[in-house]
């Protein structure tokens, strides 16, 4: 059951103020609505907000979230991406694991959004036993590609 929220609390999937009334905002989040019309919230979370088809475009888009703490909604884990992290995302090793270069660029451009909505897939110790690293967390997030396919993005 959703409580009716004030205007300041009702946000659209893009983070902007919702244009829906309080009743509509609550109604579209009910199980019955989603069973009838589809889970639009899941689609919104998996649809990248930024566009990038090349690595250069993705690097430029990633500048928006470099150094900004990003909180995973499911676990509460907070991550911060550095310029070095972005460079590692474009390493041959990382790119070769992707479905294609365009999907990879799109995922990097939207890594902050994907991490916020990702699911924790596994946790394990650091393979090099680095004392400053408590654990390695691997997350997975669905992403809708520019071709309309849904892929699993690992991070």
Protein backbone atom coordinates (compact mmCIF):
# COMPACT_ATOMS: atom_id res chain seq x y z
CA UNK A 1 0.00 0.00 0.00
CA UNK A 2 1.34 3.43 -0.92
CA UNK A 3 0.74 6.48 1.17
CA UNK A 4 -0.17 9.68 -0.59
CA UNK A 5 2.88 11.89 -0.87
CA UNK A 6 3.20 15.63 -1.10
CA UNK A 7 4.28 17.33 -4.32
CA UNK A 8 7.90 17.60 -3.19
CA UNK A 9 8.19 13.83 -2.60
CA UNK A 10 6.54 12.62 -5.82
CA UNK A 11 9.24 12.08 -8.42
CA UNK A 12 9.02 10.81 -11.98
CA UNK A 13 11.50 8.12 -13.13
CA UNK A 14 13.75 10.86 -14.57
CA UNK A 15 14.12 12.40 -11.09
CA UNK A 16 11.97 15.41 -11.91
CA UNK A 17 8.78 16.43 -10.11
CA UNK A 18 5.92 14.14 -11.13
CA UNK A 19 3.08 15.59 -13.18
CA UNK A 20 0.68 13.02 -11.67
CA UNK A 21 -1.77 13.80 -8.90
CA UNK A 22 -1.12 12.11 -5.54
CA UNK A 23 -3.79 9.53 -6.32
CA UNK A 24 -2.40 8.77 -9.81
CA UNK A 25 1.16 8.59 -8.48
CA UNK A 26 0.11 5.94 -5.93
CA UNK A 27 -2.20 4.12 -8.35
CA UNK A 28 0.46 3.46 -11.02
CA UNK A 29 2.64 1.78 -8.38
CA UNK A 30 0.04 -0.80 -7.33
CA UNK A 31 0.39 -4.49 -8.13
CA UNK A 32 -2.91 -4.48 -10.04
CA UNK A 33 -1.80 -1.61 -12.27
CA UNK A 34 1.52 -3.28 -13.07
CA UNK A 35 -0.15 -6.64 -13.77
CA UNK A 36 -2.50 -4.95 -16.24
CA UNK A 37 -0.12 -2.46 -17.91
CA UNK A 38 3.32 -3.95 -17.22
CA UNK A 39 6.03 -3.06 -14.72
CA UNK A 40 6.91 0.39 -16.02
CA UNK A 41 9.17 1.04 -13.01
CA UNK A 42 11.45 -1.88 -13.93
CA UNK A 43 11.60 -0.62 -17.51
CA UNK A 44 12.39 2.92 -16.33
CA UNK A 45 15.24 1.67 -14.12
CA UNK A 46 16.74 -0.36 -16.99
CA UNK A 47 16.43 2.41 -19.60
CA UNK A 48 19.67 4.43 -19.74
CA UNK A 49 19.17 8.15 -19.20
CA UNK A 50 22.33 9.18 -21.06
CA UNK A 51 23.12 8.35 -24.69
CA UNK A 52 26.56 7.15 -25.83
CA UNK A 53 27.46 5.07 -28.87
CA UNK A 54 31.25 5.49 -28.73
CA UNK A 55 33.86 5.29 -26.00
CA UNK A 56 34.60 9.02 -26.38
CA UNK A 57 30.91 9.86 -25.85
CA UNK A 58 30.74 7.50 -22.85
CA UNK A 59 33.82 9.06 -21.21
CA UNK A 60 32.29 12.51 -21.63
CA UNK A 61 28.98 11.36 -20.13
CA UNK A 62 30.77 9.61 -17.23
CA UNK A 63 32.28 12.94 -16.17
CA UNK A 64 28.86 13.75 -14.66
CA UNK A 65 29.25 11.14 -11.92
CA UNK A 66 33.02 10.86 -11.36
CA UNK A 67 33.77 11.56 -7.70
CA UNK A 68 30.09 11.56 -6.70
CA UNK A 69 28.98 9.00 -4.08
CA UNK A 70 26.46 6.58 -5.61
CA UNK A 71 24.21 4.58 -3.28
CA UNK A 72 22.90 1.16 -4.25
CA UNK A 73 19.22 1.18 -3.32
CA UNK A 74 19.03 -2.53 -2.50
CA UNK A 75 22.08 -2.85 -0.22
CA UNK A 76 22.87 0.69 0.87
CA UNK A 77 26.47 0.20 -0.33
CA UNK A 78 28.00 3.47 -1.51
CA UNK A 79 30.50 3.57 -4.39
CA UNK A 80 32.51 6.41 -5.86
CA UNK A 81 33.89 6.19 -9.39
CA UNK A 82 37.25 7.75 -10.21
CA UNK A 83 38.86 8.62 -13.55
CA UNK A 84 41.07 5.55 -13.07
CA UNK A 85 37.94 3.38 -12.69
CA UNK A 86 36.59 4.77 -15.96
CA UNK A 87 39.87 3.96 -17.73
CA UNK A 88 39.68 0.39 -16.37
CA UNK A 89 36.13 0.11 -17.71
CA UNK A 90 37.58 0.72 -21.19
CA UNK A 91 40.46 -1.75 -20.86
CA UNK A 92 40.62 -4.53 -23.46
CA UNK A 93 39.83 -7.03 -20.71
CA UNK A 94 36.61 -5.23 -19.77
CA UNK A 95 35.50 -4.46 -23.33
CA UNK A 96 36.10 -8.05 -24.49
CA UNK A 97 33.57 -9.29 -21.91
CA UNK A 98 30.79 -7.12 -23.38
CA UNK A 99 28.22 -8.03 -26.01
CA UNK A 100 29.56 -5.26 -28.25
CA UNK A 101 31.33 -1.90 -28.06
CA UNK A 102 28.13 0.17 -28.36
CA UNK A 103 26.45 -1.61 -25.41
CA UNK A 104 29.67 -1.25 -23.41
CA UNK A 105 29.82 2.50 -24.07
CA UNK A 106 26.16 2.90 -23.10
CA UNK A 107 26.71 0.97 -19.85
CA UNK A 108 29.74 3.06 -18.86
CA UNK A 109 27.89 6.30 -19.63
CA UNK A 110 25.13 5.15 -17.25
CA UNK A 111 27.13 3.21 -14.65
CA UNK A 112 25.85 5.40 -11.82
CA UNK A 113 22.20 4.77 -12.69
CA UNK A 114 22.84 1.06 -13.25
CA UNK A 115 24.66 0.71 -9.90
CA UNK A 116 21.82 2.43 -8.03
CA UNK A 117 19.36 -0.20 -9.25
CA UNK A 118 21.71 -3.21 -9.41
CA UNK A 119 21.38 -6.44 -7.45
CA UNK A 120 24.26 -7.83 -5.41
CA UNK A 121 25.31 -11.01 -7.24
CA UNK A 122 28.31 -12.15 -5.20
CA UNK A 123 30.80 -11.12 -2.54
CA UNK A 124 34.27 -12.61 -2.18
CA UNK A 125 37.67 -11.77 -0.70
CA UNK A 126 40.22 -9.83 -2.76
CA UNK A 127 42.29 -12.33 -4.80
CA UNK A 128 45.50 -10.46 -3.91
CA UNK A 129 44.64 -10.34 -0.19
CA UNK A 130 44.99 -6.55 -0.18
CA UNK A 131 44.57 -5.62 3.52
CA UNK A 132 42.70 -2.38 2.72
CA UNK A 133 40.02 -4.24 0.76
CA UNK A 134 37.45 -5.93 3.00
CA UNK A 135 35.59 -7.65 0.16
CA UNK A 136 34.84 -7.51 -3.56
CA UNK A 137 31.15 -7.02 -4.38
CA UNK A 138 29.85 -7.93 -7.85
CA UNK A 139 26.58 -6.36 -8.92
CA UNK A 140 24.30 -7.04 -11.89
CA UNK A 141 21.80 -4.65 -13.41
CA UNK A 142 19.43 -5.01 -16.36
CA UNK A 143 19.93 -2.49 -19.17
CA UNK A 144 17.86 -1.89 -22.27
CA UNK A 145 20.18 -1.40 -25.25
CA UNK A 146 19.63 1.05 -28.08
CA UNK A 147 18.37 -1.94 -30.10
CA UNK A 148 15.72 -2.64 -27.45
CA UNK A 149 17.34 -5.79 -26.06
CA UNK A 150 17.66 -6.37 -22.33
CA UNK A 151 21.15 -7.36 -21.21
CA UNK A 152 22.73 -7.98 -17.82
CA UNK A 153 25.42 -5.47 -16.99
CA UNK A 154 27.99 -6.75 -14.51
CA UNK A 155 29.86 -4.32 -12.31
